[in-house]
Amino acid sequence: MEPKWLEWAQKLKAIAQNGLTYSENPFDIQRFQQLQEITAEILSTYSNTELSYILDLFADDVGYATPKVDVRGVVFQGDTILLVKERVDGCWTLPGGWADIGDSPSEVTVREVFEESGYLTRAVKVLAVYDRDRQGHPPFLHYVYKLFFLCELVGGSASVSIETEEVGFFEEDNIPELSLGRVTPAQITRFFQHHRDPNLPTDFD
C-alpha cells in the first residue's frame, strides 16, 4: 500500500490542479496556487526531493488531473519471458513506457518493445489493467494506470537502446532483479500463469 502522506498529496495535487484549470476568480486561483505549493512541500519533505524539482513537475502537469498511463509488452518465447535491463537503475523489466498521444495503447506497446529490445511483435491480448498504487510498487508522485499486453513474437533480434543495456529471455525460476517501479515479481508470476492458461480473463483492479 502507498504511504498515507503520498495518497493525501496525490489527492491534494489533483484538487489544486483542477481548481486552477476551471477557476476564474483571482482569489480562488490564489488559494489553489497556495494549496499546490503546500502539496509540493509535503512531497518534498517526505520524499527528500528538492522542492524546485517538485514544483517544476507540477508546472508541466496542467489541465484536468487524470492518471498517467504506462504500457508494457509481455513476450514469451517457449517457456521464457522477454526482459530488458534498464540503464537507469541496472535492473530488469518488461519493455514499455508512457503511452503517447496519437497512438493506441497497443501501438505504443509494440513500438516500445521494438525500441527497447529489438524484437518485432504483435499485440494479441490485454493481460492486465492495474492501478499502480495497488500493486506493491515503490511510492511515486503521479497516479498511474498500468496496461500489460501479451505480444506475439514475429521477428527481429536482440538489440539494446538508449534506455536499455541488455536484452534476454528468462525462465520463471530464473528471473533477475526487477526494476520494481516498472514491474513486480507478483506480476511476472501472474503472466506466466496466463501463458500456461491462455483462457484466463484479463486482470483488473
Protein backbone atom coordinates (compact mmCIF):
# COMPACT_ATOMS: atom_id res chain seq x y z
CA MET A 1 0.00 0.00 0.00
CA GLU A 2 1.08 3.57 -0.66
CA PRO A 3 2.02 5.61 2.45
CA LYS A 4 -0.87 7.82 3.55
CA TRP A 5 1.12 11.02 3.03
CA LEU A 6 1.55 10.16 -0.65
CA GLU A 7 -2.12 9.25 -1.07
CA TRP A 8 -3.14 12.55 0.53
CA ALA A 9 -0.64 14.53 -1.54
CA GLN A 10 -1.86 12.95 -4.79
CA LYS A 11 -5.44 13.92 -3.96
CA LEU A 12 -4.47 17.45 -2.91
CA LYS A 13 -2.46 17.85 -6.10
CA ALA A 14 -5.47 16.84 -8.19
CA ILE A 15 -7.77 19.24 -6.31
CA ALA A 16 -5.33 22.13 -6.78
CA GLN A 17 -4.72 21.32 -10.46
CA ASN A 18 -8.43 21.00 -11.25
CA GLY A 19 -9.13 24.22 -9.35
CA LEU A 20 -6.51 26.10 -11.35
CA THR A 21 -7.94 24.68 -14.56
CA TYR A 22 -11.52 25.82 -14.01
CA SER A 23 -11.34 28.80 -11.64
CA GLU A 24 -11.73 32.33 -12.96
CA ASN A 25 -11.95 34.22 -9.68
CA PRO A 26 -8.46 35.58 -8.88
CA PHE A 27 -8.90 34.85 -5.17
CA ASP A 28 -9.78 31.22 -5.88
CA ILE A 29 -6.80 30.94 -8.22
CA GLN A 30 -4.54 32.26 -5.47
CA ARG A 31 -5.95 29.74 -2.97
CA PHE A 32 -5.41 26.82 -5.34
CA GLN A 33 -1.86 28.01 -6.03
CA GLN A 34 -1.21 28.04 -2.29
CA LEU A 35 -2.68 24.55 -1.98
CA GLN A 36 -0.41 23.38 -4.78
CA GLU A 37 2.64 24.87 -3.05
CA ILE A 38 1.73 23.21 0.26
CA THR A 39 1.30 19.89 -1.56
CA ALA A 40 4.72 20.30 -3.14
CA GLU A 41 6.23 20.98 0.29
CA ILE A 42 4.66 17.77 1.64
CA LEU A 43 6.07 15.73 -1.23
CA SER A 44 9.48 17.38 -0.97
CA THR A 45 9.70 16.80 2.78
CA TYR A 46 8.64 13.17 2.88
CA SER A 47 10.42 12.06 -0.32
CA ASN A 48 13.67 14.01 0.33
CA THR A 49 13.33 15.61 -3.08
CA GLU A 50 14.22 19.20 -3.96
CA LEU A 51 11.18 21.46 -3.74
CA SER A 52 12.09 23.15 -7.03
CA TYR A 53 12.01 19.78 -8.81
CA ILE A 54 8.53 19.02 -7.48
CA LEU A 55 7.27 22.47 -8.49
CA ASP A 56 8.69 22.00 -12.00
CA LEU A 57 6.78 18.73 -12.30
CA PHE A 58 3.60 20.47 -11.20
CA ALA A 59 4.14 23.24 -13.74
CA ASP A 60 4.34 20.68 -16.56
CA ASP A 61 1.12 18.96 -15.49
CA VAL A 62 -1.82 21.17 -16.47
CA GLY A 63 -5.49 20.67 -17.31
CA TYR A 64 -7.87 18.32 -15.57
CA ALA A 65 -5.90 15.85 -13.44
CA THR A 66 -6.12 12.28 -14.72
CA PRO A 67 -3.95 9.17 -14.20
CA LYS A 68 -0.91 8.71 -16.42
CA VAL A 69 -0.80 5.51 -18.49
CA ASP A 70 2.14 3.10 -18.54
CA VAL A 71 2.14 0.25 -21.11
CA ARG A 72 4.22 -2.95 -21.02
CA GLY A 73 4.71 -5.76 -23.51
CA VAL A 74 4.68 -9.36 -22.27
CA VAL A 75 6.54 -11.52 -24.80
CA PHE A 76 7.13 -15.25 -24.45
CA GLN A 77 9.49 -17.49 -26.36
CA GLY A 78 8.70 -21.05 -25.36
CA ASP A 79 8.56 -21.01 -21.57
CA THR A 80 10.75 -17.91 -21.21
CA ILE A 81 9.74 -14.25 -20.88
CA LEU A 82 11.41 -11.23 -22.51
CA LEU A 83 13.04 -8.75 -20.13
CA VAL A 84 15.25 -5.72 -20.71
CA LYS A 85 17.83 -4.25 -18.35
CA GLU A 86 17.30 -0.56 -17.62
CA ARG A 87 20.33 1.72 -17.80
CA VAL A 88 18.80 3.99 -15.13
CA ASP A 89 18.82 1.50 -12.26
CA GLY A 90 20.57 -1.59 -13.64
CA CYS A 91 17.51 -3.76 -13.03
CA TRP A 92 15.24 -5.71 -15.37
CA THR A 93 11.71 -5.07 -16.58
CA LEU A 94 9.17 -5.84 -19.24
CA PRO A 95 9.77 -3.46 -22.16
CA GLY A 96 7.45 -0.47 -22.20
CA GLY A 97 6.92 3.09 -21.05
CA TRP A 98 4.49 6.00 -21.03
CA ALA A 99 1.65 5.94 -23.54
CA ASP A 100 1.94 8.57 -26.27
CA ILE A 101 -0.78 10.84 -27.61
CA GLY A 102 -1.78 9.90 -31.15
CA ASP A 103 -1.12 6.18 -30.82
CA SER A 104 -3.37 3.46 -29.46
CA PRO A 105 -2.15 1.62 -26.34
CA SER A 106 -1.31 -1.49 -28.38
CA GLU A 107 0.65 0.54 -30.96
CA VAL A 108 2.71 2.22 -28.26
CA THR A 109 3.41 -1.16 -26.64
CA VAL A 110 4.61 -2.79 -29.87
CA ARG A 111 6.85 0.19 -30.61
CA GLU A 112 8.30 0.23 -27.10
CA VAL A 113 9.08 -3.49 -27.28
CA PHE A 114 10.93 -2.96 -30.56
CA GLU A 115 12.79 0.17 -29.43
CA GLU A 116 13.91 -1.35 -26.11
CA SER A 117 14.59 -4.94 -27.18
CA GLY A 118 14.93 -5.11 -30.98
CA TYR A 119 12.10 -7.63 -31.30
CA LEU A 120 9.12 -7.22 -33.62
CA THR A 121 5.82 -8.21 -32.05
CA ARG A 122 2.07 -8.12 -32.49
CA ALA A 123 -0.23 -7.28 -29.58
CA VAL A 124 -2.81 -10.05 -29.18
CA LYS A 125 -4.45 -9.64 -25.75
CA VAL A 126 -4.71 -7.28 -22.78
CA LEU A 127 -3.46 -9.35 -19.86
CA ALA A 128 -3.99 -6.78 -17.13
CA VAL A 129 -5.07 -3.24 -16.32
CA TYR A 130 -3.68 -2.31 -12.91
CA ASP A 131 -3.77 0.66 -10.57
CA ARG A 132 -0.07 1.12 -9.81
CA ASP A 133 -0.73 2.14 -6.21
CA ARG A 134 -2.44 -1.20 -5.51
CA GLN A 135 0.30 -3.41 -6.94
CA GLY A 136 3.16 -3.10 -4.48
CA HIS A 137 5.33 -0.71 -6.50
CA PRO A 138 7.51 1.86 -4.69
CA PRO A 139 5.84 5.25 -3.99
CA PHE A 140 5.56 7.55 -6.99
CA LEU A 141 4.40 11.14 -7.40
CA HIS A 142 1.97 10.52 -10.26
CA TYR A 143 -1.13 8.36 -10.14
CA VAL A 144 -0.66 5.68 -12.81
CA TYR A 145 -2.67 3.01 -14.61
CA LYS A 146 -0.54 0.15 -15.96
CA LEU A 147 -1.59 -1.78 -19.09
CA PHE A 148 0.08 -5.11 -19.89
CA PHE A 149 -0.31 -6.52 -23.41
CA LEU A 150 0.53 -10.07 -24.44
CA CYS A 151 2.63 -9.63 -27.58
CA GLU A 152 3.35 -12.38 -30.10
CA LEU A 153 6.95 -12.55 -31.31
CA VAL A 154 7.09 -12.16 -35.10
CA GLY A 155 10.70 -11.22 -35.87
CA GLY A 156 13.70 -9.08 -35.08
CA SER A 157 16.69 -9.83 -32.90
CA ALA A 158 18.05 -8.68 -29.54
CA SER A 159 19.24 -5.08 -29.64
CA VAL A 160 19.86 -2.56 -26.86
CA SER A 161 18.78 1.08 -26.86
CA ILE A 162 19.50 4.40 -25.16
CA GLU A 163 17.29 3.18 -22.30
CA THR A 164 18.33 -0.49 -22.10
CA GLU A 165 21.74 -2.16 -21.82
CA GLU A 166 20.84 -5.86 -22.02
CA VAL A 167 18.05 -7.99 -23.51
CA GLY A 168 17.21 -11.57 -22.62
CA PHE A 169 14.61 -14.32 -22.22
CA PHE A 170 14.27 -15.83 -18.75
CA GLU A 171 12.61 -18.89 -17.24
CA GLU A 172 10.15 -18.37 -14.41
CA ASP A 173 12.54 -19.73 -11.77
CA ASN A 174 15.45 -17.63 -13.01
CA ILE A 175 14.09 -14.06 -13.07
CA PRO A 176 16.82 -11.45 -12.43
CA GLU A 177 16.48 -8.48 -10.08
CA LEU A 178 13.48 -6.47 -11.24
CA SER A 179 13.04 -2.72 -11.58
CA LEU A 180 10.19 -2.57 -9.07
CA GLY A 181 8.97 0.81 -10.17
CA ARG A 182 8.12 -0.80 -13.51
CA VAL A 183 7.17 -4.42 -12.77
CA THR A 184 6.85 -6.63 -9.69
CA PRO A 185 7.64 -10.33 -9.12
CA ALA A 186 3.94 -11.00 -8.49
CA GLN A 187 3.08 -9.57 -11.89
CA ILE A 188 5.69 -11.72 -13.62
CA THR A 189 4.32 -14.79 -11.83
CA ARG A 190 0.80 -13.90 -12.90
CA PHE A 191 1.81 -13.50 -16.54
CA PHE A 192 3.40 -16.95 -16.54
CA GLN A 193 0.04 -18.23 -15.30
CA HIS A 194 -1.61 -16.51 -18.27
CA HIS A 195 0.99 -18.13 -20.53
CA ARG A 196 0.14 -21.59 -19.23
CA ASP A 197 -3.60 -20.95 -19.40
CA PRO A 198 -4.49 -18.66 -22.35
CA ASN A 199 -8.17 -18.82 -21.39
CA LEU A 200 -7.64 -16.76 -18.23
CA PRO A 201 -9.57 -13.46 -18.43
CA THR A 202 -7.94 -10.05 -18.31
CA ASP A 203 -6.95 -8.98 -14.78
CA PHE A 204 -8.02 -5.57 -13.49
CA ASP A 205 -8.27 -3.61 -10.25
